Amino acid sequence: MTGALRPPRPVQVWSGRLPDARPGLVGLLDPVERGRYEATADPANRARFLAGCAVSRLVLGELLGLPPADVPLRRVCSRCGGPHGKVTLDVPAGSAHADVRFSVSHSGDLIGLAVCRGAEVGLDVEDGVGTDVERVAPRVLADTELAALHARPPAERPAAFLRYWTRKESVLKAIGVGLRVPLRRLRVSDPELPPAVLSWPEQLDVCHEVRMADTVVGTTHPASVSVTGTTEVTLVRHDTSAILRAWR
């Protein structure tokens, strides 16, 4: 029907905790992932990398009807071409799953994965533990956002700051620029208002169409999802704890 409202675009958001990741998950990694895993000296970072790869492979394997270890993932850095850039699904154009897009985020002991079809997606999760808001906020927030943050009672500032932060990072992930664009150059709506981009960084050649949704994953971690396009977003949440623990 002409002029009819389009249904919202569903985005599947999966979350799990690092303690649920078992050593047997290493067997799911491809040679490139295995090399990066073994080269990561810090145990916490190594565990986060393993959990991110495992959740991606387990969830996408179910979607594609493939064993998790056979899911064709590809990482290419947009700057140097090295195998450490944004991870994508490496399937032929025109195949049944060529429109699948996903985004991985981790913070503290929580890992998140957002999956959608037909649009680019960005997910950001933050736990905020140990974050010095007064020190970090000037690097993340635009001047107007920083003034609005400081107008709040001190007890409300950490939660408000994390909501600004997750919105901004999810947007930059969705449009594929990561942190090459300073977060403070991107302005988003006040945390109490529906999520939206108010102004784009001048470093970008174009203004993008993006739709956002806020959520909380793992019951405590604020998160935001951004999807390119003009279709509104609806989130469907899942817990990966059981499938992670199933791998010994």
Protein backbone atom coordinates (compact mmCIF):
# COMPACT_ATOMS: atom_id res chain seq x y z
CA MET A 1 0.00 0.00 0.00
CA THR A 2 1.39 3.36 -1.00
CA GLY A 3 2.37 5.40 2.04
CA ALA A 4 1.95 2.48 4.43
CA LEU A 5 4.30 2.36 7.36
CA ARG A 6 7.07 -0.18 7.02
CA PRO A 7 7.34 -2.73 9.82
CA PRO A 8 10.36 -2.22 12.08
CA ARG A 9 13.57 -4.02 11.21
CA PRO A 10 14.25 -6.80 13.74
CA VAL A 11 17.74 -6.95 15.21
CA GLN A 12 18.71 -10.03 17.19
CA VAL A 13 20.87 -9.11 20.20
CA TRP A 14 22.74 -11.95 21.87
CA SER A 15 24.67 -11.61 25.11
CA GLY A 16 26.82 -13.83 27.28
CA ARG A 17 29.41 -13.64 30.01
CA LEU A 18 33.08 -14.53 29.81
CA PRO A 19 32.91 -17.02 32.72
CA ASP A 20 30.53 -19.11 30.58
CA ALA A 21 33.13 -19.49 27.82
CA ARG A 22 34.83 -22.89 28.02
CA PRO A 23 38.35 -23.83 26.84
CA GLY A 24 36.86 -26.12 24.21
CA LEU A 25 35.68 -23.08 22.29
CA VAL A 26 39.24 -22.62 21.01
CA GLY A 27 38.50 -25.49 18.63
CA LEU A 28 36.00 -23.28 16.79
CA LEU A 29 38.63 -20.73 15.73
CA ASP A 30 40.04 -20.59 12.22
CA PRO A 31 43.84 -20.35 11.75
CA VAL A 32 43.87 -16.53 11.67
CA GLU A 33 41.75 -16.31 14.82
CA ARG A 34 43.81 -18.99 16.52
CA GLY A 35 47.02 -17.09 15.78
CA ARG A 36 45.62 -13.86 17.17
CA TYR A 37 44.27 -15.67 20.22
CA GLU A 38 47.63 -17.25 20.99
CA ALA A 39 49.49 -13.97 20.40
CA THR A 40 47.33 -12.04 22.88
CA ALA A 41 49.32 -11.90 26.10
CA ASP A 42 46.74 -10.42 28.46
CA PRO A 43 44.47 -13.23 29.76
CA ALA A 44 41.39 -10.99 29.99
CA ASN A 45 41.78 -9.72 26.43
CA ARG A 46 42.43 -13.24 25.21
CA ALA A 47 39.23 -14.45 26.88
CA ARG A 48 37.21 -11.58 25.37
CA PHE A 49 38.53 -12.32 21.88
CA LEU A 50 37.70 -16.02 22.24
CA ALA A 51 34.21 -15.30 23.53
CA GLY A 52 33.51 -12.83 20.73
CA CYS A 53 34.61 -15.30 18.05
CA ALA A 54 32.72 -18.15 19.69
CA VAL A 55 29.43 -16.28 20.08
CA SER A 56 29.66 -15.07 16.47
CA ARG A 57 30.32 -18.57 15.16
CA LEU A 58 27.69 -20.29 17.30
CA VAL A 59 24.91 -17.83 16.45
CA LEU A 60 25.78 -17.43 12.77
CA GLY A 61 26.29 -21.16 12.39
CA GLU A 62 22.72 -21.72 13.54
CA LEU A 63 21.49 -19.09 11.07
CA LEU A 64 23.46 -20.49 8.14
CA GLY A 65 22.93 -24.16 9.01
CA LEU A 66 26.68 -24.71 9.33
CA PRO A 67 28.93 -26.12 12.05
CA PRO A 68 30.30 -23.15 14.01
CA ALA A 69 33.87 -23.85 12.93
CA ASP A 70 32.82 -23.69 9.26
CA VAL A 71 31.20 -20.24 9.39
CA PRO A 72 33.14 -18.16 6.80
CA LEU A 73 34.30 -15.07 8.69
CA ARG A 74 36.63 -12.48 7.22
CA ARG A 75 38.60 -9.65 8.83
CA VAL A 76 40.23 -6.95 6.74
CA CYS A 77 41.56 -3.66 8.06
CA SER A 78 40.29 -0.80 5.88
CA ARG A 79 43.58 1.03 6.43
CA CYS A 80 46.32 -1.56 6.00
CA GLY A 81 44.51 -4.61 4.67
CA GLY A 82 45.64 -6.73 7.62
CA PRO A 83 43.47 -9.47 9.16
CA HIS A 84 42.45 -7.43 12.19
CA GLY A 85 39.64 -5.21 10.92
CA LYS A 86 35.88 -5.42 11.23
CA VAL A 87 34.68 -9.00 10.96
CA THR A 88 32.16 -9.81 8.21
CA LEU A 89 30.42 -12.86 6.82
CA ASP A 90 32.34 -14.01 3.73
CA VAL A 91 29.59 -15.41 1.50
CA PRO A 92 29.01 -14.93 -2.25
CA ALA A 93 26.94 -11.96 -3.40
CA GLY A 94 23.43 -13.10 -4.23
CA SER A 95 23.49 -16.02 -1.81
CA ALA A 96 20.66 -16.53 0.67
CA HIS A 97 22.69 -14.99 3.49
CA ALA A 98 24.54 -12.23 1.62
CA ASP A 99 22.48 -9.57 3.41
CA VAL A 100 23.36 -10.74 6.94
CA ARG A 101 25.26 -8.14 8.95
CA PHE A 102 26.51 -8.35 12.51
CA SER A 103 28.45 -6.42 15.13
CA VAL A 104 30.35 -7.61 18.19
CA SER A 105 31.00 -5.63 21.37
CA HIS A 106 32.44 -6.53 24.74
CA SER A 107 32.91 -4.69 28.00
CA GLY A 108 34.07 -6.08 31.31
CA ASP A 109 32.92 -9.69 31.52
CA LEU A 110 30.08 -9.35 29.00
CA ILE A 111 30.05 -10.06 25.27
CA GLY A 112 27.33 -8.86 22.90
CA LEU A 113 26.41 -9.69 19.30
CA ALA A 114 23.82 -7.90 17.13
CA VAL A 115 22.60 -9.55 13.91
CA CYS A 116 20.28 -8.11 11.28
CA ARG A 117 19.52 -8.45 7.57
CA GLY A 118 19.53 -5.86 4.83
CA ALA A 119 21.39 -3.06 6.60
CA GLU A 120 24.66 -2.36 8.36
CA VAL A 121 24.50 -2.68 12.14
CA GLY A 122 26.60 -1.42 15.03
CA LEU A 123 26.41 -2.55 18.66
CA ASP A 124 28.13 -1.02 21.65
CA VAL A 125 28.03 -2.32 25.22
CA GLU A 126 29.60 -0.58 28.21
CA ASP A 127 29.77 -1.59 31.86
CA GLY A 128 31.33 1.64 33.09
CA VAL A 129 33.17 -0.07 35.93
CA GLY A 130 36.17 2.04 36.85
CA THR A 131 35.31 4.77 34.33
CA ASP A 132 36.29 8.24 35.53
CA VAL A 133 33.39 10.13 33.98
CA GLU A 134 34.78 13.58 34.73
CA ARG A 135 38.04 12.70 32.97
CA VAL A 136 36.63 10.75 30.02
CA ALA A 137 33.50 12.78 29.24
CA PRO A 138 35.32 15.74 27.59
CA ARG A 139 36.85 13.32 25.06
CA VAL A 140 33.49 11.74 24.22
CA LEU A 141 30.85 14.47 24.51
CA ALA A 142 30.25 17.59 22.44
CA ASP A 143 30.25 20.87 24.35
CA THR A 144 26.45 21.01 24.55
CA GLU A 145 26.29 17.39 25.72
CA LEU A 146 28.97 18.01 28.33
CA ALA A 147 27.07 21.03 29.65
CA ALA A 148 23.88 18.97 29.86
CA LEU A 149 25.75 16.23 31.70
CA HIS A 150 27.17 18.66 34.26
CA ALA A 151 23.69 20.11 34.81
CA ARG A 152 22.59 16.75 36.20
CA PRO A 153 22.98 15.73 39.83
CA PRO A 154 26.36 13.97 40.26
CA ALA A 155 24.70 10.63 41.04
CA GLU A 156 22.95 10.62 37.64
CA ARG A 157 25.99 11.47 35.54
CA PRO A 158 27.58 8.01 35.12
CA ALA A 159 24.43 6.40 33.68
CA ALA A 160 23.73 9.37 31.42
CA PHE A 161 27.32 9.43 30.17
CA LEU A 162 27.27 5.71 29.35
CA ARG A 163 24.09 6.17 27.32
CA TYR A 164 25.66 8.97 25.27
CA TRP A 165 28.74 6.80 24.81
CA THR A 166 26.95 3.62 23.65
CA ARG A 167 24.83 5.58 21.19
CA LYS A 168 27.82 7.26 19.61
CA GLU A 169 29.99 4.17 19.28
CA SER A 170 27.13 2.12 17.85
CA VAL A 171 26.53 4.77 15.17
CA LEU A 172 30.17 4.92 14.12
CA LYS A 173 30.35 1.13 13.98
CA ALA A 174 27.22 0.95 11.82
CA ILE A 175 28.54 3.40 9.23
CA GLY A 176 31.92 1.67 9.21
CA VAL A 177 34.26 4.38 10.46
CA GLY A 178 34.92 3.05 13.96
CA LEU A 179 36.85 5.43 16.14
CA ARG A 180 38.64 7.19 13.28
CA VAL A 181 36.10 9.98 13.81
CA PRO A 182 36.27 11.71 17.22
CA LEU A 183 33.23 10.84 19.30
CA ARG A 184 32.81 14.40 20.48
CA ARG A 185 32.20 15.53 16.88
CA LEU A 186 29.05 13.40 16.71
CA ARG A 187 26.04 14.80 18.60
CA VAL A 188 23.22 12.56 19.76
CA SER A 189 20.00 13.17 21.64
CA ASP A 190 19.70 13.50 25.40
CA PRO A 191 19.63 10.12 27.20
CA GLU A 192 16.00 10.63 28.27
CA LEU A 193 14.89 11.28 24.68
CA PRO A 194 14.48 8.73 21.87
CA PRO A 195 17.92 7.97 20.43
CA ALA A 196 18.82 10.00 17.35
CA VAL A 197 21.78 11.67 15.67
CA LEU A 198 21.54 15.46 15.94
CA SER A 199 24.62 16.42 13.93
CA TRP A 200 27.37 14.59 12.06
CA PRO A 201 31.14 15.17 12.22
CA GLU A 202 32.47 17.44 9.52
CA GLN A 203 35.11 14.79 8.72
CA LEU A 204 32.40 12.69 7.06
CA ASP A 205 31.61 13.43 3.44
CA VAL A 206 27.89 12.71 3.83
CA CYS A 207 25.23 12.61 6.51
CA HIS A 208 23.99 9.06 6.97
CA GLU A 209 20.50 7.78 7.64
CA VAL A 210 20.64 5.79 10.87
CA ARG A 211 18.04 4.45 13.27
CA MET A 212 18.90 3.56 16.87
CA ALA A 213 17.54 1.62 19.82
CA ASP A 214 18.73 1.48 23.42
CA THR A 215 18.71 -1.59 25.62
CA VAL A 216 20.39 -3.22 28.61
CA VAL A 217 22.20 -6.53 28.16
CA GLY A 218 23.13 -8.95 30.88
CA THR A 219 20.70 -7.05 33.19
CA THR A 220 23.29 -4.38 34.03
CA HIS A 221 25.19 -3.21 30.92
CA PRO A 222 23.77 -0.30 28.91
CA ALA A 223 23.93 -0.95 25.18
CA SER A 224 22.84 0.74 21.97
CA VAL A 225 22.19 -0.62 18.49
CA SER A 226 22.39 1.49 15.33
CA VAL A 227 21.21 0.37 11.90
CA THR A 228 21.68 2.19 8.60
CA GLY A 229 18.58 3.27 6.70
CA THR A 230 15.25 4.84 7.55
CA THR A 231 13.41 1.80 8.92
CA GLU A 232 12.80 1.87 12.65
CA VAL A 233 14.45 -0.83 14.76
CA THR A 234 13.04 -3.42 17.11
CA LEU A 235 15.33 -5.53 19.31
CA VAL A 236 14.93 -9.23 20.09
CA ARG A 237 17.14 -10.28 22.99
CA HIS A 238 18.74 -13.69 23.57
CA ASP A 239 21.11 -15.21 26.14
CA THR A 240 24.08 -17.28 24.95
CA SER A 241 25.07 -18.62 28.38
CA ALA A 242 23.70 -22.11 27.79
CA ILE A 243 25.28 -22.59 24.36
CA LEU A 244 28.63 -21.28 25.59
CA ARG A 245 28.63 -23.63 28.57
CA ALA A 246 27.78 -26.57 26.32
CA TRP A 247 31.30 -26.49 24.80
CA ARG A 248 33.75 -28.26 27.11
